[in-house]
Amino acid sequence: MKALRSFTVRPSLPPELGALEVLAMNLRWSWDDGTRDLFRWVDPEQWDASVHDPVRLLGLVAPERLEVLAGDPGFLRFLDEVHTGLSLYLSKPRWFQAREGSSPLRSVAYFSPEFG
């Protein structure tokens, strides 16, 4: 019988690791070496098993491993550094926003042939 629905169960992260979810949900990880290194540190084997998908990784990592990371000062320092880097990146003025008002464009459309 074919499943009617599929869903993903996300583990509950220790409060000290809450920034991992923020980092996983932002695609910056796909081009930022520091963010990828951070997720690799979480669990190198599961990082490879997740095909380098941080959301999937967080679902695969054992709760015991997350507790160990929550108590690791070196990991927490690096997590804070990477999270701060994302916050700074998101708060910088962007090219289009810096030119807002000088363009007649008020909206942008994106057409994707693979989605019809």
Protein backbone atom coordinates (compact mmCIF):
# COMPACT_ATOMS: atom_id res chain seq x y z
CA MET A 1 0.00 0.00 0.00
CA LYS A 2 1.33 3.41 -0.95
CA ALA A 3 1.74 5.91 1.87
CA LEU A 4 -0.80 8.70 1.82
CA ARG A 5 1.53 11.20 3.43
CA SER A 6 5.09 11.55 4.47
CA PHE A 7 6.42 13.79 7.16
CA THR A 8 9.70 14.63 8.81
CA VAL A 9 10.19 14.40 12.54
CA ARG A 10 12.66 16.91 13.86
CA PRO A 11 14.41 16.18 17.11
CA SER A 12 14.25 18.59 19.98
CA LEU A 13 17.59 20.39 20.12
CA PRO A 14 19.15 21.39 23.43
CA PRO A 15 18.64 25.15 23.92
CA GLU A 16 22.38 25.77 23.52
CA LEU A 17 22.17 24.37 19.98
CA GLY A 18 19.10 26.30 18.80
CA ALA A 19 21.20 28.25 16.31
CA LEU A 20 21.84 25.00 14.41
CA GLU A 21 18.23 24.98 13.24
CA VAL A 22 18.46 28.61 12.11
CA LEU A 23 21.63 27.81 10.15
CA ALA A 24 20.12 24.64 8.65
CA MET A 25 17.04 26.48 7.39
CA ASN A 26 19.05 29.17 5.57
CA LEU A 27 20.61 28.12 2.25
CA ARG A 28 23.79 30.03 3.01
CA TRP A 29 25.22 26.73 4.26
CA SER A 30 25.37 25.55 0.64
CA TRP A 31 28.17 28.00 -0.21
CA ASP A 32 29.64 28.95 3.16
CA ASP A 33 32.59 26.74 4.14
CA GLY A 34 32.37 27.62 7.83
CA THR A 35 28.73 26.57 8.05
CA ARG A 36 29.42 23.28 6.27
CA ASP A 37 32.39 22.66 8.59
CA LEU A 38 30.11 23.24 11.57
CA PHE A 39 27.58 20.65 10.36
CA ARG A 40 30.40 18.21 9.59
CA TRP A 41 31.58 18.65 13.21
CA VAL A 42 28.12 17.68 14.49
CA ASP A 43 28.64 14.14 13.20
CA PRO A 44 30.95 13.45 10.23
CA GLU A 45 29.40 10.05 9.42
CA GLN A 46 25.83 11.32 9.55
CA TRP A 47 26.84 14.42 7.56
CA ASP A 48 27.92 12.11 4.74
CA ALA A 49 24.86 9.86 5.23
CA SER A 50 22.58 12.90 4.91
CA VAL A 51 24.24 13.75 1.58
CA HIS A 52 25.28 17.05 3.20
CA ASP A 53 21.72 18.15 3.99
CA PRO A 54 21.80 19.93 7.37
CA VAL A 55 18.05 19.57 8.03
CA ARG A 56 18.27 15.83 7.42
CA LEU A 57 21.47 15.67 9.49
CA LEU A 58 19.71 17.12 12.53
CA GLY A 59 17.10 14.37 12.20
CA LEU A 60 19.76 11.65 12.06
CA VAL A 61 22.03 12.70 14.92
CA ALA A 62 21.60 10.81 18.18
CA PRO A 63 20.28 12.87 21.11
CA GLU A 64 23.32 11.77 23.12
CA ARG A 65 25.61 13.35 20.53
CA LEU A 66 23.63 16.59 20.69
CA GLU A 67 24.03 16.65 24.48
CA VAL A 68 27.80 16.18 24.11
CA LEU A 69 27.95 19.08 21.64
CA ALA A 70 25.83 21.26 23.95
CA GLY A 71 28.54 20.84 26.59
CA ASP A 72 31.53 21.37 24.27
CA PRO A 73 32.87 24.94 24.68
CA GLY A 74 34.83 24.76 21.42
CA PHE A 75 31.79 23.70 19.43
CA LEU A 76 29.59 26.34 21.08
CA ARG A 77 32.16 29.04 20.30
CA PHE A 78 32.27 27.99 16.64
CA LEU A 79 28.46 27.77 16.50
CA ASP A 80 28.20 31.31 17.85
CA GLU A 81 30.80 32.54 15.34
CA VAL A 82 28.97 30.99 12.37
CA HIS A 83 25.55 32.16 13.60
CA THR A 84 26.88 35.70 14.10
CA GLY A 85 28.31 35.55 10.57
CA LEU A 86 24.88 34.65 9.20
CA SER A 87 23.24 37.49 11.15
CA LEU A 88 25.77 40.00 9.81
CA TYR A 89 25.33 38.65 6.28
CA LEU A 90 21.56 39.05 6.49
CA SER A 91 21.74 42.58 7.88
CA LYS A 92 24.13 43.99 5.26
CA PRO A 93 22.66 46.22 2.56
CA ARG A 94 22.11 44.26 -0.65
CA TRP A 95 22.62 45.43 -4.22
CA PHE A 96 18.95 45.63 -5.19
CA GLN A 97 17.80 47.13 -1.91
CA ALA A 98 20.52 49.80 -2.16
CA ARG A 99 19.06 50.85 -5.52
CA GLU A 100 15.42 50.69 -4.45
CA GLY A 101 13.57 53.72 -5.70
CA SER A 102 15.92 54.23 -8.65
CA SER A 103 14.29 51.39 -10.58
CA PRO A 104 10.79 51.24 -12.03
CA LEU A 105 10.66 47.58 -10.92
CA ARG A 106 8.30 47.04 -8.00
CA SER A 107 8.27 43.26 -8.12
CA VAL A 108 10.25 40.45 -9.65
CA ALA A 109 8.86 37.25 -11.16
CA TYR A 110 10.75 33.99 -11.38
CA PHE A 111 9.59 31.33 -13.82
CA SER A 112 10.80 27.79 -13.34
CA PRO A 113 10.18 25.31 -16.17
CA GLU A 114 10.64 22.28 -13.93
CA PHE A 115 7.61 23.29 -11.85
CA GLY A 116 5.33 24.03 -14.78
